């Protein structure tokens, strides 16, 4: 019996409806989907540790919980290193806010004197913007505690999901194999293995890059004599994980704090230092450590970050790249989805030309004609 071939407009309608449905489910189910994806990334990263514990004849549950506990201890140690500077920063926040407003006011006076722009209007606007962004000290502290409480609940569920993914990993793999027919079993195992390898390499490379960038940021800020050097350097490195957007967020944070605690010269020096670190990172560190693991073109990266922010806010910006990498691996192993692999990936021109030549049966490219 011949397969029924639907008209193009019907297939296009089904495809668009499917995309809308997937986006809608991803949005309304963010409360469980986002921590599950984070847990999956952590579980993949901890899998070699679990394997090592199991080689030492530890039960699977004990091996999984020990690996998760070691990861938690590492995170806690990092947080303790930052706690002192974070405590000083929060206690100094009211004074920092006042100094920042004064510094902006003086800059507005200079702009008014040089460019004859209405100073009072600018000052009023900037005061509202600063107060709206930073808020009063009381509201800042209360919002911080509220955010911390929800963040702790989020982290708790992430670690619980990571433990159960590690514990039931064989069951989950068996389920994925069983829902496909036997003829596709080998391809399913290939996809699972590829996803595990790419995520492990990507997350590991990202952590190495973040540590190097944090050390460079902190060292340069210390040399420049900028207050809260460790805190600002590490936070800028964490924001740097978000492609394209993170560097601007980290730069604004450092410039604002330096403007409130230092001199205009230090603000300029901090901006130049952060720019130099970003140049080193984007041209050397990221391509060699992370970029070789996941080959996704810049256009799709930007679109993915924007869509991730629209769907899942800041966590979505972090999850955009690994999610696209997983989709790309799936597309690579499904013949009908190969065009999407070309769209998502960063294929060399020579390879594209060979593919076109093979399709057309003509080895001569337009350049040679």
Protein backbone atom coordinates (compact mmCIF):
# COMPACT_ATOMS: atom_id res chain seq x y z
CA UNK A 1 0.00 0.00 0.00
CA UNK A 2 1.43 3.38 -0.97
CA UNK A 3 2.01 5.96 1.72
CA UNK A 4 -0.44 8.83 1.68
CA UNK A 5 1.33 12.02 0.60
CA UNK A 6 -0.32 15.12 2.01
CA UNK A 7 -0.27 18.47 0.16
CA UNK A 8 2.48 20.91 1.06
CA UNK A 9 0.16 23.39 2.78
CA UNK A 10 -1.22 20.61 5.03
CA UNK A 11 2.27 19.43 5.98
CA UNK A 12 3.34 23.03 6.63
CA UNK A 13 0.31 23.56 8.87
CA UNK A 14 1.06 20.41 10.86
CA UNK A 15 4.71 21.46 11.24
CA UNK A 16 3.81 24.96 12.47
CA UNK A 17 1.19 23.61 14.86
CA UNK A 18 3.73 21.12 16.22
CA UNK A 19 6.28 23.89 16.79
CA UNK A 20 3.71 26.08 18.54
CA UNK A 21 2.61 23.14 20.72
CA UNK A 22 6.18 22.29 21.69
CA UNK A 23 6.94 25.92 22.60
CA UNK A 24 3.71 26.19 24.60
CA UNK A 25 4.43 22.98 26.54
CA UNK A 26 8.02 24.13 27.16
CA UNK A 27 6.75 27.45 28.52
CA UNK A 28 4.00 26.20 30.83
CA UNK A 29 6.09 23.23 31.96
CA UNK A 30 9.20 25.28 32.77
CA UNK A 31 8.84 24.47 36.47
CA UNK A 32 9.78 20.85 35.83
CA UNK A 33 11.55 21.00 32.45
CA UNK A 34 14.25 23.53 33.44
CA UNK A 35 15.44 21.71 36.61
CA UNK A 36 15.28 18.40 34.72
CA UNK A 37 17.61 19.73 31.99
CA UNK A 38 20.02 21.14 34.58
CA UNK A 39 19.89 17.79 36.40
CA UNK A 40 20.58 15.95 33.15
CA UNK A 41 23.66 18.11 32.49
CA UNK A 42 24.94 17.52 36.04
CA UNK A 43 24.23 13.79 35.80
CA UNK A 44 26.16 13.49 32.52
CA UNK A 45 29.07 15.40 34.06
CA UNK A 46 29.07 13.17 37.17
CA UNK A 47 28.68 9.89 35.26
CA UNK A 48 32.45 9.11 35.15
CA UNK A 49 32.63 9.62 38.93
CA UNK A 50 29.70 7.23 39.44
CA UNK A 51 31.36 4.66 37.17
CA UNK A 52 34.55 4.92 39.23
CA UNK A 53 32.65 4.39 42.49
CA UNK A 54 30.86 1.39 40.99
CA UNK A 55 34.24 -0.09 39.96
CA UNK A 56 35.11 0.07 43.66
CA UNK A 57 32.10 -2.24 44.22
CA UNK A 58 29.88 0.42 45.77
CA UNK A 59 26.11 -0.05 45.24
CA UNK A 60 24.61 2.03 42.46
CA UNK A 61 22.54 4.18 44.84
CA UNK A 62 25.52 4.86 47.12
CA UNK A 63 27.73 5.72 44.14
CA UNK A 64 25.11 8.15 42.76
CA UNK A 65 24.50 9.91 46.07
CA UNK A 66 28.25 10.19 46.80
CA UNK A 67 28.89 11.78 43.40
CA UNK A 68 26.08 14.30 43.95
CA UNK A 69 27.31 15.07 47.48
CA UNK A 70 30.85 15.69 46.19
CA UNK A 71 29.45 18.10 43.62
CA UNK A 72 27.44 19.91 46.32
CA UNK A 73 30.53 20.17 48.55
CA UNK A 74 32.50 21.70 45.68
CA UNK A 75 29.75 24.29 45.07
CA UNK A 76 29.56 25.09 48.80
CA UNK A 77 33.32 25.63 49.01
CA UNK A 78 33.18 28.06 46.10
CA UNK A 79 30.28 29.92 47.74
CA UNK A 80 32.18 30.13 51.04
CA UNK A 81 35.12 31.73 49.24
CA UNK A 82 32.78 34.43 47.94
CA UNK A 83 30.72 34.78 51.13
CA UNK A 84 32.97 37.32 52.85
CA UNK A 85 33.06 39.71 49.91
CA UNK A 86 29.34 39.23 49.31
CA UNK A 87 28.68 40.07 52.97
CA UNK A 88 30.79 43.24 52.71
CA UNK A 89 29.09 44.17 49.45
CA UNK A 90 25.57 43.85 50.93
CA UNK A 91 26.53 45.84 54.05
CA UNK A 92 28.03 48.60 51.89
CA UNK A 93 25.12 48.62 49.45
CA UNK A 94 23.33 51.78 50.72
CA UNK A 95 26.55 53.81 50.55
CA UNK A 96 27.36 52.35 47.13
CA UNK A 97 23.93 53.37 45.88
CA UNK A 98 24.36 56.95 47.08
CA UNK A 99 27.86 57.22 45.60
CA UNK A 100 26.62 55.83 42.32
CA UNK A 101 23.82 58.38 42.11
CA UNK A 102 26.29 61.20 42.93
CA UNK A 103 28.73 59.97 40.30
CA UNK A 104 25.98 59.85 37.69
CA UNK A 105 24.84 63.34 38.70
CA UNK A 106 28.35 64.73 38.19
CA UNK A 107 28.54 63.05 34.80
CA UNK A 108 25.22 64.61 33.86
CA UNK A 109 26.53 68.06 34.85
CA UNK A 110 29.53 67.52 32.60
CA UNK A 111 27.28 66.45 29.70
CA UNK A 112 25.07 69.49 30.30
CA UNK A 113 28.08 71.81 30.27
CA UNK A 114 29.67 70.29 27.17
CA UNK A 115 26.64 69.43 25.05
CA UNK A 116 23.99 71.81 26.47
CA UNK A 117 21.51 69.02 27.24
CA UNK A 118 18.91 69.66 29.93
CA UNK A 119 20.67 68.36 33.05
CA UNK A 120 17.64 68.22 35.35
CA UNK A 121 15.72 66.00 32.93
CA UNK A 122 18.66 63.64 32.57
CA UNK A 123 19.29 63.47 36.31
CA UNK A 124 15.62 62.77 37.04
CA UNK A 125 15.52 60.02 34.43
CA UNK A 126 18.75 58.39 35.61
CA UNK A 127 17.77 58.56 39.28
CA UNK A 128 14.55 56.75 38.45
CA UNK A 129 16.43 54.19 36.37
CA UNK A 130 19.02 53.58 39.08
CA UNK A 131 16.44 53.39 41.85
CA UNK A 132 14.27 51.15 39.74
CA UNK A 133 17.18 48.85 38.96
CA UNK A 134 18.86 48.76 42.33
CA UNK A 135 15.98 49.69 44.64
CA UNK A 136 16.37 50.72 48.24
CA UNK A 137 18.59 48.72 50.59
CA UNK A 138 15.58 47.26 52.42
CA UNK A 139 13.82 46.06 49.28
CA UNK A 140 17.10 44.75 47.88
CA UNK A 141 17.76 42.62 50.98
CA UNK A 142 14.17 41.34 51.14
CA UNK A 143 14.18 40.44 47.45
CA UNK A 144 17.55 38.76 47.91
CA UNK A 145 16.20 36.55 50.68
CA UNK A 146 13.07 35.73 48.65
CA UNK A 147 15.21 34.88 45.63
CA UNK A 148 17.52 32.78 47.77
CA UNK A 149 14.62 30.78 49.20
CA UNK A 150 13.21 29.99 45.75
CA UNK A 151 16.73 29.34 44.44
CA UNK A 152 17.40 26.85 47.25
CA UNK A 153 14.20 24.97 46.41
CA UNK A 154 15.18 24.96 42.73
CA UNK A 155 18.69 23.65 43.53
CA UNK A 156 17.26 20.98 45.84
CA UNK A 157 15.07 19.60 43.06
CA UNK A 158 17.94 19.77 40.56
CA UNK A 159 20.14 17.61 42.78
CA UNK A 160 17.28 15.21 43.51
CA UNK A 161 16.60 14.81 39.80
CA UNK A 162 20.33 14.37 39.11
CA UNK A 163 20.53 11.58 41.72
CA UNK A 164 17.52 9.74 40.29
CA UNK A 165 18.78 10.12 36.70
CA UNK A 166 22.09 8.57 37.74
CA UNK A 167 20.37 5.83 39.74
CA UNK A 168 17.80 4.91 37.08
CA UNK A 169 19.99 5.60 34.04
CA UNK A 170 19.84 2.00 32.78
CA UNK A 171 16.06 1.98 33.12
CA UNK A 172 15.78 5.26 31.19
CA UNK A 173 18.04 3.99 28.40
CA UNK A 174 16.06 0.74 28.20
CA UNK A 175 12.84 2.78 27.91
CA UNK A 176 14.26 4.89 25.07
CA UNK A 177 15.35 1.76 23.21
CA UNK A 178 12.01 0.00 23.66
CA UNK A 179 9.87 2.85 22.30
CA UNK A 180 11.63 2.47 18.93
CA UNK A 181 11.55 -0.57 16.68
CA UNK A 182 14.45 -3.05 16.63
CA UNK A 183 15.75 -1.76 13.29
CA UNK A 184 16.41 1.65 14.88
CA UNK A 185 18.01 0.32 18.09
CA UNK A 186 21.59 0.85 16.94
CA UNK A 187 20.83 4.40 15.80
CA UNK A 188 19.16 5.19 19.15
CA UNK A 189 22.23 3.96 21.01
CA UNK A 190 24.42 6.10 18.75
CA UNK A 191 22.32 9.18 19.50
CA UNK A 192 22.42 8.51 23.26
CA UNK A 193 26.19 7.98 23.20
CA UNK A 194 26.75 11.12 21.08
CA UNK A 195 24.59 13.27 23.35
CA UNK A 196 26.40 12.00 26.43
CA UNK A 197 29.84 12.67 24.92
CA UNK A 198 29.00 16.12 23.55
CA UNK A 199 27.34 17.28 26.78
CA UNK A 200 30.20 15.96 28.91
CA UNK A 201 32.78 17.65 26.71
CA UNK A 202 30.81 20.89 26.46
CA UNK A 203 30.02 21.26 30.18
CA UNK A 204 33.56 20.26 31.17
CA UNK A 205 35.09 22.69 28.68
CA UNK A 206 32.73 25.44 29.85
CA UNK A 207 33.77 24.92 33.48
CA UNK A 208 37.47 25.07 32.55
CA UNK A 209 36.88 28.24 30.52
CA UNK A 210 34.92 29.83 33.37
CA UNK A 211 37.70 29.11 35.91
CA UNK A 212 40.37 30.59 33.61
CA UNK A 213 38.28 33.72 32.89
CA UNK A 214 37.50 34.15 36.61
CA UNK A 215 41.21 33.95 37.49
CA UNK A 216 42.12 36.46 34.76
CA UNK A 217 39.34 38.88 35.76
CA UNK A 218 40.19 38.68 39.46
CA UNK A 219 43.94 39.11 38.89
CA UNK A 220 43.51 42.19 36.70
CA UNK A 221 40.97 43.78 39.07
CA UNK A 222 43.33 43.16 42.00
CA UNK A 223 46.20 44.78 40.12
CA UNK A 224 44.01 47.81 39.38
CA UNK A 225 43.08 48.08 43.06
CA UNK A 226 39.33 47.68 42.47
CA UNK A 227 37.19 46.79 45.48
CA UNK A 228 35.39 43.42 45.55
CA UNK A 229 37.82 42.08 42.95
CA UNK A 230 37.13 38.39 43.69
CA UNK A 231 33.35 38.83 43.73
CA UNK A 232 33.25 40.91 40.53
CA UNK A 233 35.76 38.71 38.71
CA UNK A 234 33.87 35.49 39.47
CA UNK A 235 30.44 36.98 38.73
CA UNK A 236 31.66 38.34 35.39
CA UNK A 237 33.02 34.87 34.54
CA UNK A 238 29.66 33.27 35.42
CA UNK A 239 27.76 35.77 33.27
CA UNK A 240 30.27 35.08 30.49
CA UNK A 241 28.75 31.60 30.10
CA UNK A 242 25.78 33.25 28.36
CA UNK A 243 26.89 33.80 24.74
CA UNK A 244 27.12 37.43 23.56
CA UNK A 245 24.74 38.77 26.23
CA UNK A 246 26.76 37.72 29.30
CA UNK A 247 29.83 39.85 28.57
CA UNK A 248 27.72 43.04 28.47
CA UNK A 249 25.94 42.13 31.72
CA UNK A 250 29.27 41.49 33.46
CA UNK A 251 30.75 44.71 32.08
CA UNK A 252 27.78 46.80 33.30
CA UNK A 253 28.02 45.20 36.76
CA UNK A 254 31.75 45.87 37.10
CA UNK A 255 31.51 49.42 35.73
CA UNK A 256 28.63 50.36 38.05
CA UNK A 257 30.32 48.98 41.18
CA UNK A 258 33.68 50.53 40.23
CA UNK A 259 31.96 53.84 39.55
CA UNK A 260 30.56 53.77 43.11
CA UNK A 261 33.75 52.61 44.83
CA UNK A 262 36.61 54.04 42.75
CA UNK A 263 37.66 56.79 40.42
CA UNK A 264 36.69 57.43 36.77
CA UNK A 265 40.17 56.29 35.76
CA UNK A 266 39.58 52.95 37.50
CA UNK A 267 36.25 52.63 35.69
CA UNK A 268 38.03 53.07 32.37
CA UNK A 269 40.79 50.65 33.38
CA UNK A 270 38.26 48.04 34.52
CA UNK A 271 36.37 48.34 31.23
CA UNK A 272 39.57 47.96 29.19
CA UNK A 273 40.72 44.99 31.33
CA UNK A 274 37.38 43.21 30.89
CA UNK A 275 37.48 43.90 27.14
CA UNK A 276 40.99 42.43 26.84
CA UNK A 277 39.97 39.30 28.77
CA UNK A 278 36.92 38.97 26.50
CA UNK A 279 39.13 39.23 23.39
CA UNK A 280 41.42 36.51 24.76
CA UNK A 281 38.45 34.35 25.68
CA UNK A 282 36.47 34.73 22.45
CA UNK A 283 39.48 34.28 20.12
CA UNK A 284 41.61 31.71 21.97
CA UNK A 285 40.00 30.13 25.04
CA UNK A 286 36.45 29.50 23.83
CA UNK A 287 37.34 28.20 20.32
CA UNK A 288 40.03 25.85 21.64
CA UNK A 289 38.31 24.62 24.83
CA UNK A 290 34.57 24.78 24.08
CA UNK A 291 34.02 25.75 20.44
CA UNK A 292 35.51 22.54 19.06
CA UNK A 293 32.99 20.49 21.07
CA UNK A 294 29.78 22.09 19.80
CA UNK A 295 29.81 23.55 16.30
CA UNK A 296 26.79 25.85 16.12
CA UNK A 297 26.78 28.96 13.96
CA UNK A 298 26.51 32.42 15.51
CA UNK A 299 23.06 33.20 14.08
CA UNK A 300 21.45 30.12 15.64
CA UNK A 301 23.33 30.80 18.89
CA UNK A 302 21.87 34.32 19.18
CA UNK A 303 18.37 33.14 18.24
CA UNK A 304 18.65 30.30 20.76
CA UNK A 305 19.71 32.64 23.57
CA UNK A 306 16.84 35.05 22.80
CA UNK A 307 14.27 32.23 22.62
CA UNK A 308 15.68 30.68 25.80
CA UNK A 309 15.25 33.99 27.59
CA UNK A 310 11.67 34.32 26.28
CA UNK A 311 10.75 30.79 27.37
CA UNK A 312 12.68 30.25 30.60
CA UNK A 313 14.20 33.64 31.50
CA UNK A 314 17.87 33.58 32.65
CA UNK A 315 18.09 29.76 33.05
CA UNK A 316 16.94 29.47 29.44
CA UNK A 317 19.88 31.56 28.30
CA UNK A 318 22.26 29.14 30.02
CA UNK A 319 20.48 26.09 28.58
CA UNK A 320 20.18 27.37 25.00
CA UNK A 321 23.48 26.02 23.65
CA UNK A 322 23.34 22.48 25.13
CA UNK A 323 19.68 22.18 24.05
CA UNK A 324 20.56 23.19 20.47
CA UNK A 325 23.51 20.76 20.55
CA UNK A 326 21.17 17.90 21.50
CA UNK A 327 18.72 18.86 18.73
CA UNK A 328 21.61 18.98 16.25
CA UNK A 329 22.77 15.47 17.20
CA UNK A 330 19.24 14.11 16.77
CA UNK A 331 18.94 15.81 13.37
CA UNK A 332 22.28 14.32 12.28
CA UNK A 333 20.97 10.79 12.83
CA UNK A 334 17.59 11.23 11.11
CA UNK A 335 17.94 11.42 7.30
CA UNK A 336 14.82 13.56 6.89
CA UNK A 337 16.25 16.12 9.35
CA UNK A 338 19.67 16.56 7.68
CA UNK A 339 18.81 20.01 6.25
CA UNK A 340 18.30 21.22 9.83
CA UNK A 341 21.79 19.96 10.67
CA UNK A 342 23.21 22.25 7.97
CA UNK A 343 21.17 25.17 9.33
CA UNK A 344 22.25 24.61 12.95
CA UNK A 345 25.87 23.71 12.27
CA UNK A 346 28.86 25.61 10.99
CA UNK A 347 29.70 23.57 7.89
CA UNK A 348 32.82 24.53 5.90
CA UNK A 349 32.15 25.92 2.43
CA UNK A 350 34.14 23.19 0.72
CA UNK A 351 31.94 20.54 2.25
CA UNK A 352 28.80 22.36 1.15
CA UNK A 353 30.14 22.57 -2.42
CA UNK A 354 30.92 18.86 -2.47
CA UNK A 355 27.43 18.08 -1.18
CA UNK A 356 25.82 20.26 -3.86
CA UNK A 357 28.02 18.72 -6.55
CA UNK A 358 27.12 15.21 -5.43
CA UNK A 359 23.40 16.06 -5.48
CA UNK A 360 23.55 17.56 -8.97
CA UNK A 361 26.02 15.07 -10.38
CA UNK A 362 28.32 17.91 -11.42
CA UNK A 363 31.77 18.22 -9.85
CA UNK A 364 32.24 21.68 -11.29
CA UNK A 365 31.25 24.44 -8.88
CA UNK A 366 29.97 27.81 -10.12
CA UNK A 367 33.38 29.32 -9.42
CA UNK A 368 35.06 26.96 -11.87
CA UNK A 369 32.57 27.52 -14.66
